[in-house]
Amino acid sequence: MSGTSDIEEVIARHAVGELDDDTPLAAAGIESLALLRIVVEAAPDTDMEIDTARLIDVHTVGELRNWLLEMIEQNAGVPGSANEGERIR
């Protein structure tokens, strides 16, 4: 993933209807299995750690996008990750 537009594409593939930052995940058709698929697709490295406990606090499309961007940013530069030395702009 290189940034916001890639993440928005992943979310859109699993969602239904029109989306904005305030769209509840349930209204977008994103339930637990789809949510996990989105996280896996967005993760640039299969070995990266994912704090799934924080997903409990994600309720809208905007919160999901921000959580995914934060997850990728936190793993950027982690030794052995696909993004080692790469930063999201």
C-alpha atoms as a PDB file:
ATOM      1  CA  MET A   1       0.000   0.000   0.000  1.00  0.00           C
ATOM      2  CA  SER A   2       1.322   3.367  -0.856  1.00  0.00           C
ATOM      3  CA  GLY A   3      -1.213   5.573   0.834  1.00  0.00           C
ATOM      4  CA  THR A   4      -4.758   6.823   1.167  1.00  0.00           C
ATOM      5  CA  SER A   5      -5.948   6.138  -2.394  1.00  0.00           C
ATOM      6  CA  ASP A   6      -4.844   2.486  -2.254  1.00  0.00           C
ATOM      7  CA  ILE A   7      -6.564   2.007   1.081  1.00  0.00           C
ATOM      8  CA  GLU A   8      -9.735   3.622  -0.205  1.00  0.00           C
ATOM      9  CA  GLU A   9      -9.715   1.186  -3.161  1.00  0.00           C
ATOM     10  CA  VAL A  10      -9.410  -1.793  -0.798  1.00  0.00           C
ATOM     11  CA  ILE A  11     -12.270  -0.511   1.364  1.00  0.00           C
ATOM     12  CA  ALA A  12     -14.444   0.172  -1.703  1.00  0.00           C
ATOM     13  CA  ARG A  13     -13.942  -3.399  -2.988  1.00  0.00           C
ATOM     14  CA  HIS A  14     -15.510  -4.751   0.208  1.00  0.00           C
ATOM     15  CA  ALA A  15     -18.178  -2.099   0.704  1.00  0.00           C
ATOM     16  CA  VAL A  16     -21.568  -1.416  -0.812  1.00  0.00           C
ATOM     17  CA  GLY A  17     -23.116   1.921  -1.708  1.00  0.00           C
ATOM     18  CA  GLU A  18     -21.640   5.374  -1.512  1.00  0.00           C
ATOM     19  CA  LEU A  19     -19.079   5.990   1.188  1.00  0.00           C
ATOM     20  CA  ASP A  20     -17.792   8.960   3.104  1.00  0.00           C
ATOM     21  CA  ASP A  21     -15.811   9.279   6.307  1.00  0.00           C
ATOM     22  CA  ASP A  22     -18.965   9.225   8.437  1.00  0.00           C
ATOM     23  CA  THR A  23     -20.487   6.094   6.869  1.00  0.00           C
ATOM     24  CA  PRO A  24     -20.868   3.426   9.559  1.00  0.00           C
ATOM     25  CA  LEU A  25     -19.087   0.189   8.657  1.00  0.00           C
ATOM     26  CA  ALA A  26     -22.319  -1.789   9.050  1.00  0.00           C
ATOM     27  CA  ALA A  27     -24.125   0.552   6.623  1.00  0.00           C
ATOM     28  CA  ALA A  28     -21.291   0.000   4.141  1.00  0.00           C
ATOM     29  CA  GLY A  29     -21.752  -3.754   4.442  1.00  0.00           C
ATOM     30  CA  ILE A  30     -18.400  -4.169   6.181  1.00  0.00           C
ATOM     31  CA  GLU A  31     -18.776  -6.734   8.923  1.00  0.00           C
ATOM     32  CA  SER A  32     -16.132  -8.700  10.805  1.00  0.00           C
ATOM     33  CA  LEU A  33     -14.956 -11.007   7.993  1.00  0.00           C
ATOM     34  CA  ALA A  34     -14.795  -8.200   5.428  1.00  0.00           C
ATOM     35  CA  LEU A  35     -12.994  -6.045   7.988  1.00  0.00           C
ATOM     36  CA  LEU A  36     -10.316  -8.695   8.462  1.00  0.00           C
ATOM     37  CA  ARG A  37      -9.950  -9.099   4.688  1.00  0.00           C
ATOM     38  CA  ILE A  38      -9.474  -5.347   4.315  1.00  0.00           C
ATOM     39  CA  VAL A  39      -6.783  -5.342   7.004  1.00  0.00           C
ATOM     40  CA  VAL A  40      -4.941  -8.255   5.392  1.00  0.00           C
ATOM     41  CA  GLU A  41      -5.106  -6.650   1.933  1.00  0.00           C
ATOM     42  CA  ALA A  42      -3.941  -3.296   3.265  1.00  0.00           C
ATOM     43  CA  ALA A  43      -1.004  -4.759   5.198  1.00  0.00           C
ATOM     44  CA  PRO A  44       2.060  -4.411   2.974  1.00  0.00           C
ATOM     45  CA  ASP A  45       3.875  -7.210   4.791  1.00  0.00           C
ATOM     46  CA  THR A  46       2.445 -10.556   5.820  1.00  0.00           C
ATOM     47  CA  ASP A  47       4.677 -10.536   8.908  1.00  0.00           C
ATOM     48  CA  MET A  48       3.602  -7.138  10.217  1.00  0.00           C
ATOM     49  CA  GLU A  49       1.934  -6.972  13.608  1.00  0.00           C
ATOM     50  CA  ILE A  50      -1.699  -5.938  13.585  1.00  0.00           C
ATOM     51  CA  ASP A  51      -3.319  -4.614  16.746  1.00  0.00           C
ATOM     52  CA  THR A  52      -6.753  -6.129  16.176  1.00  0.00           C
ATOM     53  CA  ALA A  53      -7.909  -5.094  19.654  1.00  0.00           C
ATOM     54  CA  ARG A  54      -8.043  -1.519  18.371  1.00  0.00           C
ATOM     55  CA  LEU A  55     -10.518  -2.572  15.661  1.00  0.00           C
ATOM     56  CA  ILE A  56     -13.199  -2.616  18.357  1.00  0.00           C
ATOM     57  CA  ASP A  57     -13.050   1.186  18.361  1.00  0.00           C
ATOM     58  CA  VAL A  58     -13.360   1.472  14.561  1.00  0.00           C
ATOM     59  CA  HIS A  59     -16.973   2.235  13.605  1.00  0.00           C
ATOM     60  CA  THR A  60     -16.867   4.358  10.439  1.00  0.00           C
ATOM     61  CA  VAL A  61     -15.149   4.265   7.059  1.00  0.00           C
ATOM     62  CA  GLY A  62     -13.036   7.286   8.038  1.00  0.00           C
ATOM     63  CA  GLU A  63     -11.917   5.649  11.288  1.00  0.00           C
ATOM     64  CA  LEU A  64     -11.017   2.484   9.372  1.00  0.00           C
ATOM     65  CA  ARG A  65      -8.981   4.407   6.798  1.00  0.00           C
ATOM     66  CA  ASN A  66      -7.132   6.306   9.526  1.00  0.00           C
ATOM     67  CA  TRP A  67      -6.486   3.112  11.501  1.00  0.00           C
ATOM     68  CA  LEU A  68      -5.063   1.392   8.406  1.00  0.00           C
ATOM     69  CA  LEU A  69      -2.828   4.363   7.577  1.00  0.00           C
ATOM     70  CA  GLU A  70      -1.579   4.438  11.175  1.00  0.00           C
ATOM     71  CA  MET A  71      -0.912   0.681  11.114  1.00  0.00           C
ATOM     72  CA  ILE A  72       1.123   1.001   7.920  1.00  0.00           C
ATOM     73  CA  GLU A  73       2.979   4.057   9.209  1.00  0.00           C
ATOM     74  CA  GLN A  74       3.890   2.315  12.477  1.00  0.00           C
ATOM     75  CA  ASN A  75       5.319  -0.624  10.561  1.00  0.00           C
ATOM     76  CA  ALA A  76       7.267   1.485   8.076  1.00  0.00           C
ATOM     77  CA  GLY A  77      10.950   1.083   8.706  1.00  0.00           C
ATOM     78  CA  VAL A  78      10.522  -1.964  10.948  1.00  0.00           C
ATOM     79  CA  PRO A  79      13.455  -4.285  10.180  1.00  0.00           C
ATOM     80  CA  GLY A  80      12.341  -7.097   7.931  1.00  0.00           C
ATOM     81  CA  SER A  81       9.141  -5.396   6.832  1.00  0.00           C
ATOM     82  CA  ALA A  82       8.345  -4.757   3.184  1.00  0.00           C
ATOM     83  CA  ASN A  83       8.293  -1.029   3.954  1.00  0.00           C
ATOM     84  CA  GLU A  84      11.651  -0.842   5.691  1.00  0.00           C
ATOM     85  CA  GLY A  85      12.867   2.718   5.202  1.00  0.00           C
ATOM     86  CA  GLU A  86       9.757   3.707   3.232  1.00  0.00           C
ATOM     87  CA  ARG A  87       7.374   6.329   4.651  1.00  0.00           C
ATOM     88  CA  ILE A  88       3.807   7.194   3.660  1.00  0.00           C
ATOM     89  CA  ARG A  89       3.452  10.689   2.306  1.00  0.00           C
END
